[in-house]
Amino acid sequence: MSDSMRAVKDCASGTIGGFLQVFVGQPFDTVKVRLQTMPAPLPGQAPKYSGTLDCVKKTLSKEGIRGFYKGTTTPLVGVGACVSIQFVTLQAMKRYYSDKNGPNANGFLSNSQLYIAGAASGITNSIISGPVEHIRTRLQVQTGGPAVKAIAGAVASTGEVAAIAGGEAAAAVALTNPATKTMVVETAAASKNALFFTGPVDAVQKIYANYGVRGLYKGQAVTMVREFQGYGAYFAAYEYLIQRAMRLENKQRSELSTMKVVAYGACAGYAMWTTVYPIDVIKSKLQTDGFTAGTRQYSSALDCARQTMAKEGIAGFFKGFAPCILRAAPANAVTFLGFEMAMRLLR
C-alpha cells in the first residue's frame, strides 16, 4: 500500500474515532469546563457550583439535556479533524521509527519513540484543536437564558456588547429601569464574556471580526504545551500496552480482542489527563478570559497560574477533575475502538 493510501486510511479511521469521542465525551467536558472557569466566590458568597453533581443538576434544570451538548457542532467537525490529524501523524512517525529501527525490531518501538510520536501528533493537532477548543469552551460556559438574550439585543447598539452576564433577574430589571439598563450594559461591556454567540459559526465570525486570527487562537501557547505532553503520554501508554499484548500473546495487532482495545484506550485517557490537568485548567481560563486589556483578567499563562494559586490554592488547578476522569475512560475507549475497527475494515 502506498504512503498516500495509508494516510487516507489513517485519516478516515481517526475521523470515526473522533466522532465517537465527541458523542460520548461532550457532556462530561461541558461540566468540566464550567467547573474550571467558574469565578472564585467572594468572602461569604457561595460558589456558582458546589461540585460536579450540583453543576449537572443546575445545567439540567436550566438548559435541559441540550445544555450538556453546547458547542457540539464545533468539536464534531473539529475533533473529527483533530483526531484524524493525530492518527495520521502518529502512524507516519511510527513508520519512520520502524524503518529506522530496522527489521530486527519487528516493528516495535521503544517507549521514548512512542512518546515522541505521540507528542508530534499533539503539536500537529494543536493547529486545529486550538481554535476549535476555544470556540467550544466559550459556548460551553455561556449560560444566559432567553431574557438575557432579549436585553442584549434591545440595549446593544454595537456588536461589542451582545450579551448580558447578569442573569434573568438583572435582565428583567434592566428592561424596566433605564438607570439599571445603563449600568447593566456598562457591566456587560466590561465583562470578559461580552460577546454573545448563537452558535459556533456565529462565534467564529464575531471573534474574527473583532479580534482577527489572534482572537481565534487565544490560549494557543498553553494549548501546544498541553498537547505535547498530553498526547505523548496518551499514545505512549496505548501503544506500549498494545505492543506488550502482541508480544505476550504472539498475535498481530488486528488479532487482539476488542476488550483489550477498549481497556487500553481507557488507560490512555487516564495517562493523558492525570499528567496535564492543571495545564488544561489554565488553558480553559485563558480561553474564556477577555480579549482586550480592559477586560482581560490574566496577562499570561504564568499570571493565570499565579492568580489561581493565590486565590484558590492547589485545589484551583483541579477544578472539574472528577467529570474529566469519568469522561477519560469511555470517551477514549470508543476513540481507539472506532480507530482500530475502522483500520481492520479498511485493510
C-alpha atoms as a PDB file:
ATOM      1  CA  MET A   1       0.000   0.000   0.000  1.00  0.00           C
ATOM      2  CA  SER A   2       1.341   3.444  -0.943  1.00  0.00           C
ATOM      3  CA  ASP A   3       2.071   6.098   1.683  1.00  0.00           C
ATOM      4  CA  SER A   4      -0.770   8.280   0.374  1.00  0.00           C
ATOM      5  CA  MET A   5      -3.288   5.430   0.685  1.00  0.00           C
ATOM      6  CA  ARG A   6      -2.030   4.670   4.195  1.00  0.00           C
ATOM      7  CA  ALA A   7      -2.566   8.328   5.121  1.00  0.00           C
ATOM      8  CA  VAL A   8      -6.125   8.247   3.735  1.00  0.00           C
ATOM      9  CA  LYS A   9      -6.839   5.085   5.714  1.00  0.00           C
ATOM     10  CA  ASP A  10      -5.362   6.572   8.904  1.00  0.00           C
ATOM     11  CA  CYS A  11      -7.345   9.787   8.369  1.00  0.00           C
ATOM     12  CA  ALA A  12     -10.680   8.013   7.806  1.00  0.00           C
ATOM     13  CA  SER A  13     -10.180   5.732  10.814  1.00  0.00           C
ATOM     14  CA  GLY A  14      -9.153   8.641  13.040  1.00  0.00           C
ATOM     15  CA  THR A  15     -12.216  10.642  11.984  1.00  0.00           C
ATOM     16  CA  ILE A  16     -14.520   7.799  13.022  1.00  0.00           C
ATOM     17  CA  GLY A  17     -12.750   7.611  16.379  1.00  0.00           C
ATOM     18  CA  GLY A  18     -13.080  11.385  16.791  1.00  0.00           C
ATOM     19  CA  PHE A  19     -16.830  11.391  16.110  1.00  0.00           C
ATOM     20  CA  LEU A  20     -17.378   8.669  18.718  1.00  0.00           C
ATOM     21  CA  GLN A  21     -15.247  10.591  21.222  1.00  0.00           C
ATOM     22  CA  VAL A  22     -17.403  13.712  20.880  1.00  0.00           C
ATOM     23  CA  PHE A  23     -20.753  11.938  21.261  1.00  0.00           C
ATOM     24  CA  VAL A  24     -19.621  10.079  24.372  1.00  0.00           C
ATOM     25  CA  GLY A  25     -17.446  12.733  25.985  1.00  0.00           C
ATOM     26  CA  GLN A  26     -19.157  16.085  25.327  1.00  0.00           C
ATOM     27  CA  PRO A  27     -21.498  16.113  28.391  1.00  0.00           C
ATOM     28  CA  PHE A  28     -18.570  15.349  30.720  1.00  0.00           C
ATOM     29  CA  ASP A  29     -16.455  18.026  29.027  1.00  0.00           C
ATOM     30  CA  THR A  30     -19.155  20.684  29.408  1.00  0.00           C
ATOM     31  CA  VAL A  31     -19.361  20.056  33.165  1.00  0.00           C
ATOM     32  CA  LYS A  32     -15.558  20.028  33.415  1.00  0.00           C
ATOM     33  CA  VAL A  33     -15.175  23.381  31.640  1.00  0.00           C
ATOM     34  CA  ARG A  34     -17.914  25.056  33.685  1.00  0.00           C
ATOM     35  CA  LEU A  35     -16.277  23.965  36.930  1.00  0.00           C
ATOM     36  CA  GLN A  36     -12.831  25.025  35.687  1.00  0.00           C
ATOM     37  CA  THR A  37     -13.911  28.515  34.673  1.00  0.00           C
ATOM     38  CA  MET A  38     -16.357  29.473  37.417  1.00  0.00           C
ATOM     39  CA  PRO A  39     -15.073  32.530  39.309  1.00  0.00           C
ATOM     40  CA  ALA A  40     -13.743  32.198  42.830  1.00  0.00           C
ATOM     41  CA  PRO A  41     -16.523  33.272  45.233  1.00  0.00           C
ATOM     42  CA  LEU A  42     -16.169  36.431  47.297  1.00  0.00           C
ATOM     43  CA  PRO A  43     -15.870  36.062  51.094  1.00  0.00           C
ATOM     44  CA  GLY A  44     -19.197  34.813  52.468  1.00  0.00           C
ATOM     45  CA  GLN A  45     -20.524  34.075  48.981  1.00  0.00           C
ATOM     46  CA  ALA A  46     -21.450  30.559  47.856  1.00  0.00           C
ATOM     47  CA  PRO A  47     -19.661  29.247  44.736  1.00  0.00           C
ATOM     48  CA  LYS A  48     -21.635  29.032  41.498  1.00  0.00           C
ATOM     49  CA  TYR A  49     -21.411  25.240  41.643  1.00  0.00           C
ATOM     50  CA  SER A  50     -20.687  23.321  44.831  1.00  0.00           C
ATOM     51  CA  GLY A  51     -19.370  20.349  42.879  1.00  0.00           C
ATOM     52  CA  THR A  52     -19.822  18.064  39.894  1.00  0.00           C
ATOM     53  CA  LEU A  53     -23.320  16.868  40.779  1.00  0.00           C
ATOM     54  CA  ASP A  54     -24.501  20.404  41.534  1.00  0.00           C
ATOM     55  CA  CYS A  55     -23.238  21.560  38.127  1.00  0.00           C
ATOM     56  CA  VAL A  56     -25.055  18.650  36.461  1.00  0.00           C
ATOM     57  CA  LYS A  57     -28.302  19.428  38.317  1.00  0.00           C
ATOM     58  CA  LYS A  58     -28.217  23.162  37.555  1.00  0.00           C
ATOM     59  CA  THR A  59     -27.353  22.619  33.898  1.00  0.00           C
ATOM     60  CA  LEU A  60     -30.147  20.070  33.531  1.00  0.00           C
ATOM     61  CA  SER A  61     -32.754  22.226  35.298  1.00  0.00           C
ATOM     62  CA  LYS A  62     -31.914  25.451  33.431  1.00  0.00           C
ATOM     63  CA  GLU A  63     -30.962  24.183  29.993  1.00  0.00           C
ATOM     64  CA  GLY A  64     -32.101  20.584  29.752  1.00  0.00           C
ATOM     65  CA  ILE A  65     -30.117  17.816  28.037  1.00  0.00           C
ATOM     66  CA  ARG A  66     -29.153  20.223  25.245  1.00  0.00           C
ATOM     67  CA  GLY A  67     -27.140  22.237  27.759  1.00  0.00           C
ATOM     68  CA  PHE A  68     -24.626  19.394  28.016  1.00  0.00           C
ATOM     69  CA  TYR A  69     -24.115  19.426  24.261  1.00  0.00           C
ATOM     70  CA  LYS A  70     -23.479  23.160  23.847  1.00  0.00           C
ATOM     71  CA  GLY A  71     -20.837  23.749  21.223  1.00  0.00           C
ATOM     72  CA  THR A  72     -21.097  20.169  19.936  1.00  0.00           C
ATOM     73  CA  THR A  73     -21.056  21.158  16.261  1.00  0.00           C
ATOM     74  CA  THR A  74     -17.592  22.665  16.661  1.00  0.00           C
ATOM     75  CA  PRO A  75     -15.941  19.591  18.210  1.00  0.00           C
ATOM     76  CA  LEU A  76     -17.920  17.200  15.993  1.00  0.00           C
ATOM     77  CA  VAL A  77     -16.301  18.735  12.929  1.00  0.00           C
ATOM     78  CA  GLY A  78     -13.141  19.933  14.642  1.00  0.00           C
ATOM     79  CA  VAL A  79     -12.398  16.895  16.804  1.00  0.00           C
ATOM     80  CA  GLY A  80     -13.054  14.627  13.830  1.00  0.00           C
ATOM     81  CA  ALA A  81     -10.356  16.610  12.002  1.00  0.00           C
ATOM     82  CA  CYS A  82      -8.122  16.733  15.092  1.00  0.00           C
ATOM     83  CA  VAL A  83      -8.227  13.009  15.781  1.00  0.00           C
ATOM     84  CA  SER A  84      -7.636  12.194  12.119  1.00  0.00           C
ATOM     85  CA  ILE A  85      -4.580  14.513  12.170  1.00  0.00           C
ATOM     86  CA  GLN A  86      -3.378  12.851  15.376  1.00  0.00           C
ATOM     87  CA  PHE A  87      -3.536   9.367  13.929  1.00  0.00           C
ATOM     88  CA  VAL A  88      -2.098  10.347  10.531  1.00  0.00           C
ATOM     89  CA  THR A  89       0.902  11.945  12.273  1.00  0.00           C
ATOM     90  CA  LEU A  90       1.239   9.100  14.782  1.00  0.00           C
ATOM     91  CA  GLN A  91       1.192   6.403  12.112  1.00  0.00           C
ATOM     92  CA  ALA A  92       3.683   8.343   9.960  1.00  0.00           C
ATOM     93  CA  MET A  93       6.039   8.723  12.945  1.00  0.00           C
ATOM     94  CA  LYS A  94       5.675   5.039  13.807  1.00  0.00           C
ATOM     95  CA  ARG A  95       6.593   4.058  10.236  1.00  0.00           C
ATOM     96  CA  TYR A  96       9.577   6.438  10.366  1.00  0.00           C
ATOM     97  CA  TYR A  97      10.902   4.910  13.596  1.00  0.00           C
ATOM     98  CA  SER A  98      10.136   1.378  12.421  1.00  0.00           C
ATOM     99  CA  ASP A  99      12.236   1.920   9.284  1.00  0.00           C
ATOM    100  CA  LYS A 100      14.967   3.496  11.403  1.00  0.00           C
ATOM    101  CA  ASN A 101      14.995   0.583  13.868  1.00  0.00           C
ATOM    102  CA  GLY A 102      15.378  -1.989  11.094  1.00  0.00           C
ATOM    103  CA  PRO A 103      13.815  -5.442  10.594  1.00  0.00           C
ATOM    104  CA  ASN A 104      15.219  -6.899  13.813  1.00  0.00           C
ATOM    105  CA  ALA A 105      12.846  -4.738  15.883  1.00  0.00           C
ATOM    106  CA  ASN A 106       9.844  -6.446  14.236  1.00  0.00           C
ATOM    107  CA  GLY A 107       8.049  -3.116  14.003  1.00  0.00           C
ATOM    108  CA  PHE A 108       8.158  -2.490  17.758  1.00  0.00           C
ATOM    109  CA  LEU A 109       9.164   0.955  19.030  1.00  0.00           C
ATOM    110  CA  SER A 110      10.891   1.992  22.250  1.00  0.00           C
ATOM    111  CA  ASN A 111       8.935   3.887  24.908  1.00  0.00           C
ATOM    112  CA  SER A 112      10.759   7.130  24.087  1.00  0.00           C
ATOM    113  CA  GLN A 113       9.960   6.713  20.385  1.00  0.00           C
ATOM    114  CA  LEU A 114       6.299   6.124  21.210  1.00  0.00           C
ATOM    115  CA  TYR A 115       6.252   9.253  23.379  1.00  0.00           C
ATOM    116  CA  ILE A 116       7.870  11.442  20.707  1.00  0.00           C
ATOM    117  CA  ALA A 117       5.499  10.066  18.056  1.00  0.00           C
ATOM    118  CA  GLY A 118       2.538  10.918  20.285  1.00  0.00           C
ATOM    119  CA  ALA A 119       3.896  14.361  21.172  1.00  0.00           C
ATOM    120  CA  ALA A 120       4.422  15.141  17.477  1.00  0.00           C
ATOM    121  CA  SER A 121       0.810  14.185  16.786  1.00  0.00           C
ATOM    122  CA  GLY A 122      -0.281  16.542  19.575  1.00  0.00           C
ATOM    123  CA  ILE A 123       1.675  19.505  18.193  1.00  0.00           C
ATOM    124  CA  THR A 124       0.312  18.910  14.690  1.00  0.00           C
ATOM    125  CA  ASN A 125      -3.174  18.532  16.100  1.00  0.00           C
ATOM    126  CA  SER A 126      -2.927  21.846  18.003  1.00  0.00           C
ATOM    127  CA  ILE A 127      -3.155  23.812  14.755  1.00  0.00           C
ATOM    128  CA  ILE A 128      -6.813  22.782  14.609  1.00  0.00           C
ATOM    129  CA  SER A 129      -7.546  21.965  18.264  1.00  0.00           C
ATOM    130  CA  GLY A 130      -6.536  25.460  19.496  1.00  0.00           C
ATOM    131  CA  PRO A 131      -9.339  27.439  17.832  1.00  0.00           C
ATOM    132  CA  VAL A 132     -11.784  24.504  17.992  1.00  0.00           C
ATOM    133  CA  GLU A 133     -11.436  24.219  21.767  1.00  0.00           C
ATOM    134  CA  HIS A 134     -11.502  27.991  22.161  1.00  0.00           C
ATOM    135  CA  ILE A 135     -14.886  28.219  20.425  1.00  0.00           C
ATOM    136  CA  ARG A 136     -16.260  25.158  22.201  1.00  0.00           C
ATOM    137  CA  THR A 137     -15.146  26.444  25.610  1.00  0.00           C
ATOM    138  CA  ARG A 138     -16.775  29.844  25.118  1.00  0.00           C
ATOM    139  CA  LEU A 139     -20.042  28.216  24.069  1.00  0.00           C
ATOM    140  CA  GLN A 140     -19.937  25.774  26.984  1.00  0.00           C
ATOM    141  CA  VAL A 141     -19.650  28.492  29.634  1.00  0.00           C
ATOM    142  CA  GLN A 142     -22.349  30.667  28.057  1.00  0.00           C
ATOM    143  CA  THR A 143     -25.360  30.087  30.301  1.00  0.00           C
ATOM    144  CA  GLY A 144     -27.534  33.191  29.750  1.00  0.00           C
ATOM    145  CA  GLY A 145     -31.209  32.396  29.123  1.00  0.00           C
ATOM    146  CA  PRO A 146     -33.757  33.958  26.744  1.00  0.00           C
ATOM    147  CA  ALA A 147     -34.267  37.068  28.847  1.00  0.00           C
ATOM    148  CA  VAL A 148     -30.552  37.699  28.842  1.00  0.00           C
ATOM    149  CA  LYS A 149     -30.521  37.442  25.048  1.00  0.00           C
ATOM    150  CA  ALA A 150     -33.526  39.734  24.769  1.00  0.00           C
ATOM    151  CA  ILE A 151     -31.991  42.520  26.843  1.00  0.00           C
ATOM    152  CA  ALA A 152     -28.743  42.103  24.943  1.00  0.00           C
ATOM    153  CA  GLY A 153     -30.498  42.624  21.644  1.00  0.00           C
ATOM    154  CA  ALA A 154     -32.511  45.551  22.975  1.00  0.00           C
ATOM    155  CA  VAL A 155     -29.689  47.514  24.533  1.00  0.00           C
ATOM    156  CA  ALA A 156     -26.635  46.609  22.469  1.00  0.00           C
ATOM    157  CA  SER A 157     -26.262  49.246  19.798  1.00  0.00           C
ATOM    158  CA  THR A 158     -22.881  47.929  18.690  1.00  0.00           C
ATOM    159  CA  GLY A 159     -21.533  44.439  18.062  1.00  0.00           C
ATOM    160  CA  GLU A 160     -19.182  44.595  21.062  1.00  0.00           C
ATOM    161  CA  VAL A 161     -21.964  44.228  23.674  1.00  0.00           C
ATOM    162  CA  ALA A 162     -24.016  41.252  22.581  1.00  0.00           C
ATOM    163  CA  ALA A 163     -24.770  39.515  25.886  1.00  0.00           C
ATOM    164  CA  ILE A 164     -25.557  40.332  29.485  1.00  0.00           C
ATOM    165  CA  ALA A 165     -23.962  38.086  32.056  1.00  0.00           C
ATOM    166  CA  GLY A 166     -26.116  39.269  34.957  1.00  0.00           C
ATOM    167  CA  GLY A 167     -28.753  36.540  34.712  1.00  0.00           C
ATOM    168  CA  GLU A 168     -32.545  36.554  34.242  1.00  0.00           C
ATOM    169  CA  ALA A 169     -33.307  38.848  37.173  1.00  0.00           C
ATOM    170  CA  ALA A 170     -30.847  41.528  36.099  1.00  0.00           C
ATOM    171  CA  ALA A 171     -32.205  41.400  32.579  1.00  0.00           C
ATOM    172  CA  ALA A 172     -35.803  41.815  33.733  1.00  0.00           C
ATOM    173  CA  VAL A 173     -34.929  44.805  35.907  1.00  0.00           C
ATOM    174  CA  ALA A 174     -32.911  46.398  33.136  1.00  0.00           C
ATOM    175  CA  LEU A 175     -35.836  46.225  30.755  1.00  0.00           C
ATOM    176  CA  THR A 176     -37.973  48.390  33.026  1.00  0.00           C
ATOM    177  CA  ASN A 177     -35.419  50.665  34.678  1.00  0.00           C
ATOM    178  CA  PRO A 178     -33.391  52.993  32.398  1.00  0.00           C
ATOM    179  CA  ALA A 179     -30.762  53.663  35.044  1.00  0.00           C
ATOM    180  CA  THR A 180     -30.276  49.970  35.734  1.00  0.00           C
ATOM    181  CA  LYS A 181     -30.279  49.301  31.996  1.00  0.00           C
ATOM    182  CA  THR A 182     -27.327  51.629  31.564  1.00  0.00           C
ATOM    183  CA  MET A 183     -25.493  50.024  34.452  1.00  0.00           C
ATOM    184  CA  VAL A 184     -26.074  46.509  33.141  1.00  0.00           C
ATOM    185  CA  VAL A 185     -24.898  47.495  29.658  1.00  0.00           C
ATOM    186  CA  GLU A 186     -21.733  49.008  31.095  1.00  0.00           C
ATOM    187  CA  THR A 187     -21.191  45.878  33.172  1.00  0.00           C
ATOM    188  CA  ALA A 188     -21.623  43.723  30.107  1.00  0.00           C
ATOM    189  CA  ALA A 189     -19.158  45.827  28.153  1.00  0.00           C
ATOM    190  CA  ALA A 190     -16.583  45.219  30.855  1.00  0.00           C
ATOM    191  CA  SER A 191     -17.396  41.540  31.110  1.00  0.00           C
ATOM    192  CA  LYS A 192     -14.893  39.084  29.744  1.00  0.00           C
ATOM    193  CA  ASN A 193     -17.776  37.299  28.042  1.00  0.00           C
ATOM    194  CA  ALA A 194     -19.281  40.424  26.485  1.00  0.00           C
ATOM    195  CA  LEU A 195     -19.919  38.794  23.127  1.00  0.00           C
ATOM    196  CA  PHE A 196     -22.961  36.551  22.949  1.00  0.00           C
ATOM    197  CA  PHE A 197     -22.829  33.697  20.463  1.00  0.00           C
ATOM    198  CA  THR A 198     -25.805  31.917  18.916  1.00  0.00           C
ATOM    199  CA  GLY A 199     -23.609  29.047  17.741  1.00  0.00           C
ATOM    200  CA  PRO A 200     -20.109  28.062  16.582  1.00  0.00           C
ATOM    201  CA  VAL A 201     -20.301  29.803  13.195  1.00  0.00           C
ATOM    202  CA  ASP A 202     -21.555  32.992  14.848  1.00  0.00           C
ATOM    203  CA  ALA A 203     -18.740  32.742  17.412  1.00  0.00           C
ATOM    204  CA  VAL A 204     -16.075  32.392  14.733  1.00  0.00           C
ATOM    205  CA  GLN A 205     -17.499  35.312  12.756  1.00  0.00           C
ATOM    206  CA  LYS A 206     -17.745  37.671  15.738  1.00  0.00           C
ATOM    207  CA  ILE A 207     -14.357  36.828  17.214  1.00  0.00           C
ATOM    208  CA  TYR A 208     -12.638  37.100  13.836  1.00  0.00           C
ATOM    209  CA  ALA A 209     -14.421  40.357  13.007  1.00  0.00           C
ATOM    210  CA  ASN A 210     -13.397  41.942  16.317  1.00  0.00           C
ATOM    211  CA  TYR A 211     -10.020  40.365  17.056  1.00  0.00           C
ATOM    212  CA  GLY A 212      -8.775  38.634  13.906  1.00  0.00           C
ATOM    213  CA  VAL A 213      -6.908  35.338  13.707  1.00  0.00           C
ATOM    214  CA  ARG A 214      -5.140  36.034  17.018  1.00  0.00           C
ATOM    215  CA  GLY A 215      -8.523  36.129  18.702  1.00  0.00           C
ATOM    216  CA  LEU A 216      -9.414  32.680  17.379  1.00  0.00           C
ATOM    217  CA  TYR A 217      -6.055  31.311  18.545  1.00  0.00           C
ATOM    218  CA  LYS A 218      -6.363  32.715  22.062  1.00  0.00           C
ATOM    219  CA  GLY A 219      -4.524  30.471  24.543  1.00  0.00           C
ATOM    220  CA  GLN A 220      -2.610  28.703  21.748  1.00  0.00           C
ATOM    221  CA  ALA A 221       0.776  28.559  23.517  1.00  0.00           C
ATOM    222  CA  VAL A 222      -0.569  26.728  26.571  1.00  0.00           C
ATOM    223  CA  THR A 223      -2.672  24.533  24.269  1.00  0.00           C
ATOM    224  CA  MET A 224       0.517  23.410  22.499  1.00  0.00           C
ATOM    225  CA  VAL A 225       2.182  22.601  25.833  1.00  0.00           C
ATOM    226  CA  ARG A 226      -0.845  20.534  26.849  1.00  0.00           C
ATOM    227  CA  GLU A 227      -0.994  18.716  23.502  1.00  0.00           C
ATOM    228  CA  PHE A 228       2.730  17.887  23.501  1.00  0.00           C
ATOM    229  CA  GLN A 229       2.767  16.296  26.954  1.00  0.00           C
ATOM    230  CA  GLY A 230      -0.796  15.002  26.868  1.00  0.00           C
ATOM    231  CA  TYR A 231      -0.625  13.154  23.567  1.00  0.00           C
ATOM    232  CA  GLY A 232       2.917  12.000  24.264  1.00  0.00           C
ATOM    233  CA  ALA A 233       1.619  10.211  27.370  1.00  0.00           C
ATOM    234  CA  TYR A 234      -1.651   9.230  25.649  1.00  0.00           C
ATOM    235  CA  PHE A 235      -0.221   7.371  22.680  1.00  0.00           C
ATOM    236  CA  ALA A 236       2.822   6.067  24.551  1.00  0.00           C
ATOM    237  CA  ALA A 237       0.542   4.374  27.085  1.00  0.00           C
ATOM    238  CA  TYR A 238      -1.792   2.902  24.460  1.00  0.00           C
ATOM    239  CA  GLU A 239       0.908   1.711  22.062  1.00  0.00           C
ATOM    240  CA  TYR A 240       3.028   0.289  24.892  1.00  0.00           C
ATOM    241  CA  LEU A 241       0.089  -1.820  26.085  1.00  0.00           C
ATOM    242  CA  ILE A 242      -0.716  -2.919  22.526  1.00  0.00           C
ATOM    243  CA  GLN A 243       2.902  -3.916  21.843  1.00  0.00           C
ATOM    244  CA  ARG A 244       3.108  -5.733  25.184  1.00  0.00           C
ATOM    245  CA  ALA A 245      -0.049  -7.754  24.398  1.00  0.00           C
ATOM    246  CA  MET A 246       1.235  -8.581  20.900  1.00  0.00           C
ATOM    247  CA  ARG A 247       4.486  -9.911  22.364  1.00  0.00           C
ATOM    248  CA  LEU A 248       2.882 -11.881  25.200  1.00  0.00           C
ATOM    249  CA  GLU A 249       0.156 -13.419  23.037  1.00  0.00           C
ATOM    250  CA  ASN A 250       2.276 -13.694  19.885  1.00  0.00           C
ATOM    251  CA  LYS A 251      -0.500 -12.083  17.855  1.00  0.00           C
ATOM    252  CA  GLN A 252      -0.832  -9.443  15.172  1.00  0.00           C
ATOM    253  CA  ARG A 253      -2.377  -6.128  16.169  1.00  0.00           C
ATOM    254  CA  SER A 254      -5.608  -6.926  14.301  1.00  0.00           C
ATOM    255  CA  GLU A 255      -5.937 -10.206  16.244  1.00  0.00           C
ATOM    256  CA  LEU A 256      -6.117  -8.590  19.688  1.00  0.00           C
ATOM    257  CA  SER A 257      -9.516  -8.763  21.375  1.00  0.00           C
ATOM    258  CA  THR A 258     -11.962  -5.865  21.357  1.00  0.00           C
ATOM    259  CA  MET A 259     -11.952  -5.802  25.160  1.00  0.00           C
ATOM    260  CA  LYS A 260      -8.201  -5.212  25.187  1.00  0.00           C
ATOM    261  CA  VAL A 261      -8.549  -2.311  22.748  1.00  0.00           C
ATOM    262  CA  VAL A 262     -11.280  -0.778  24.923  1.00  0.00           C
ATOM    263  CA  ALA A 263      -9.305  -1.285  28.155  1.00  0.00           C
ATOM    264  CA  TYR A 264      -6.080   0.115  26.713  1.00  0.00           C
ATOM    265  CA  GLY A 265      -7.940   3.099  25.274  1.00  0.00           C
ATOM    266  CA  ALA A 266      -9.333   3.858  28.726  1.00  0.00           C
ATOM    267  CA  CYS A 267      -5.824   3.603  30.221  1.00  0.00           C
ATOM    268  CA  ALA A 268      -4.536   6.021  27.575  1.00  0.00           C
ATOM    269  CA  GLY A 269      -7.200   8.532  28.610  1.00  0.00           C
ATOM    270  CA  TYR A 270      -6.090   8.301  32.230  1.00  0.00           C
ATOM    271  CA  ALA A 271      -2.421   8.654  31.222  1.00  0.00           C
ATOM    272  CA  MET A 272      -3.198  11.851  29.361  1.00  0.00           C
ATOM    273  CA  TRP A 273      -5.431  13.653  31.838  1.00  0.00           C
ATOM    274  CA  THR A 274      -3.567  12.794  35.031  1.00  0.00           C
ATOM    275  CA  THR A 275      -0.436  14.388  33.566  1.00  0.00           C
ATOM    276  CA  VAL A 276      -1.873  17.573  32.031  1.00  0.00           C
ATOM    277  CA  TYR A 277      -4.957  18.532  34.016  1.00  0.00           C
ATOM    278  CA  PRO A 278      -3.561  21.678  35.722  1.00  0.00           C
ATOM    279  CA  ILE A 279      -2.378  22.893  32.298  1.00  0.00           C
ATOM    280  CA  ASP A 280      -5.878  22.287  30.937  1.00  0.00           C
ATOM    281  CA  VAL A 281      -7.366  24.420  33.726  1.00  0.00           C
ATOM    282  CA  ILE A 282      -5.096  27.316  32.778  1.00  0.00           C
ATOM    283  CA  LYS A 283      -5.993  26.847  29.107  1.00  0.00           C
ATOM    284  CA  SER A 284      -9.726  26.991  29.849  1.00  0.00           C
ATOM    285  CA  LYS A 285      -9.331  30.128  31.961  1.00  0.00           C
ATOM    286  CA  LEU A 286      -7.281  31.890  29.291  1.00  0.00           C
ATOM    287  CA  GLN A 287      -9.706  30.911  26.525  1.00  0.00           C
ATOM    288  CA  THR A 288     -12.691  32.325  28.411  1.00  0.00           C
ATOM    289  CA  ASP A 289     -10.844  35.449  29.511  1.00  0.00           C
ATOM    290  CA  GLY A 290     -11.374  38.863  27.911  1.00  0.00           C
ATOM    291  CA  PHE A 291      -9.824  39.824  24.588  1.00  0.00           C
ATOM    292  CA  THR A 292      -8.743  43.366  25.417  1.00  0.00           C
ATOM    293  CA  ALA A 293      -6.520  44.880  28.110  1.00  0.00           C
ATOM    294  CA  GLY A 294      -9.582  46.407  29.777  1.00  0.00           C
ATOM    295  CA  THR A 295     -11.479  43.121  30.044  1.00  0.00           C
ATOM    296  CA  ARG A 296      -8.604  40.692  30.455  1.00  0.00           C
ATOM    297  CA  GLN A 297      -8.095  39.160  33.897  1.00  0.00           C
ATOM    298  CA  TYR A 298      -4.856  37.320  33.071  1.00  0.00           C
ATOM    299  CA  SER A 299      -1.853  38.769  31.239  1.00  0.00           C
ATOM    300  CA  SER A 300      -0.294  35.370  30.502  1.00  0.00           C
ATOM    301  CA  ALA A 301      -0.394  31.674  31.374  1.00  0.00           C
ATOM    302  CA  LEU A 302       2.084  32.254  34.218  1.00  0.00           C
ATOM    303  CA  ASP A 303      -0.023  35.108  35.554  1.00  0.00           C
ATOM    304  CA  CYS A 304      -3.086  32.863  35.412  1.00  0.00           C
ATOM    305  CA  ALA A 305      -1.217  30.183  37.363  1.00  0.00           C
ATOM    306  CA  ARG A 306      -0.076  32.730  39.973  1.00  0.00           C
ATOM    307  CA  GLN A 307      -3.564  34.174  40.424  1.00  0.00           C
ATOM    308  CA  THR A 308      -5.152  30.726  40.622  1.00  0.00           C
ATOM    309  CA  MET A 309      -2.676  29.641  43.295  1.00  0.00           C
ATOM    310  CA  ALA A 310      -3.128  32.876  45.269  1.00  0.00           C
ATOM    311  CA  LYS A 311      -6.939  32.791  45.224  1.00  0.00           C
ATOM    312  CA  GLU A 312      -7.753  29.094  45.209  1.00  0.00           C
ATOM    313  CA  GLY A 313      -4.607  27.208  46.204  1.00  0.00           C
ATOM    314  CA  ILE A 314      -3.641  23.849  44.669  1.00  0.00           C
ATOM    315  CA  ALA A 315      -7.309  22.846  44.559  1.00  0.00           C
ATOM    316  CA  GLY A 316      -7.888  25.560  41.959  1.00  0.00           C
ATOM    317  CA  PHE A 317      -5.799  23.592  39.452  1.00  0.00           C
ATOM    318  CA  PHE A 318      -8.034  20.550  39.838  1.00  0.00           C
ATOM    319  CA  LYS A 319     -11.490  22.058  39.482  1.00  0.00           C
ATOM    320  CA  GLY A 320     -13.608  19.795  37.298  1.00  0.00           C
ATOM    321  CA  PHE A 321     -11.210  16.867  37.692  1.00  0.00           C
ATOM    322  CA  ALA A 322     -13.997  14.423  38.615  1.00  0.00           C
ATOM    323  CA  PRO A 323     -16.018  14.745  35.374  1.00  0.00           C
ATOM    324  CA  CYS A 324     -12.772  14.762  33.398  1.00  0.00           C
ATOM    325  CA  ILE A 325     -11.664  11.428  34.856  1.00  0.00           C
ATOM    326  CA  LEU A 326     -15.168   9.997  34.488  1.00  0.00           C
ATOM    327  CA  ARG A 327     -15.031  11.012  30.819  1.00  0.00           C
ATOM    328  CA  ALA A 328     -11.483   9.730  30.227  1.00  0.00           C
ATOM    329  CA  ALA A 329     -12.338   6.027  30.168  1.00  0.00           C
ATOM    330  CA  PRO A 330     -15.451   5.840  27.951  1.00  0.00           C
ATOM    331  CA  ALA A 331     -14.512   8.681  25.562  1.00  0.00           C
ATOM    332  CA  ASN A 332     -11.039   7.351  24.827  1.00  0.00           C
ATOM    333  CA  ALA A 333     -12.086   3.719  24.847  1.00  0.00           C
ATOM    334  CA  VAL A 334     -14.532   4.376  21.987  1.00  0.00           C
ATOM    335  CA  THR A 335     -11.954   6.556  20.201  1.00  0.00           C
ATOM    336  CA  PHE A 336      -9.464   3.703  19.914  1.00  0.00           C
ATOM    337  CA  LEU A 337     -12.211   1.158  19.342  1.00  0.00           C
ATOM    338  CA  GLY A 338     -13.512   3.194  16.406  1.00  0.00           C
ATOM    339  CA  PHE A 339      -9.996   3.663  15.027  1.00  0.00           C
ATOM    340  CA  GLU A 340      -8.917   0.032  15.335  1.00  0.00           C
ATOM    341  CA  MET A 341     -12.174  -1.396  13.966  1.00  0.00           C
ATOM    342  CA  ALA A 342     -12.091   1.018  11.024  1.00  0.00           C
ATOM    343  CA  MET A 343      -8.457   0.109  10.302  1.00  0.00           C
ATOM    344  CA  ARG A 344      -9.388  -3.582  10.257  1.00  0.00           C
ATOM    345  CA  LEU A 345     -12.321  -2.980   7.920  1.00  0.00           C
ATOM    346  CA  LEU A 346     -10.177  -0.887   5.574  1.00  0.00           C
ATOM    347  CA  ARG A 347      -7.363  -3.450   5.304  1.00  0.00           C
END
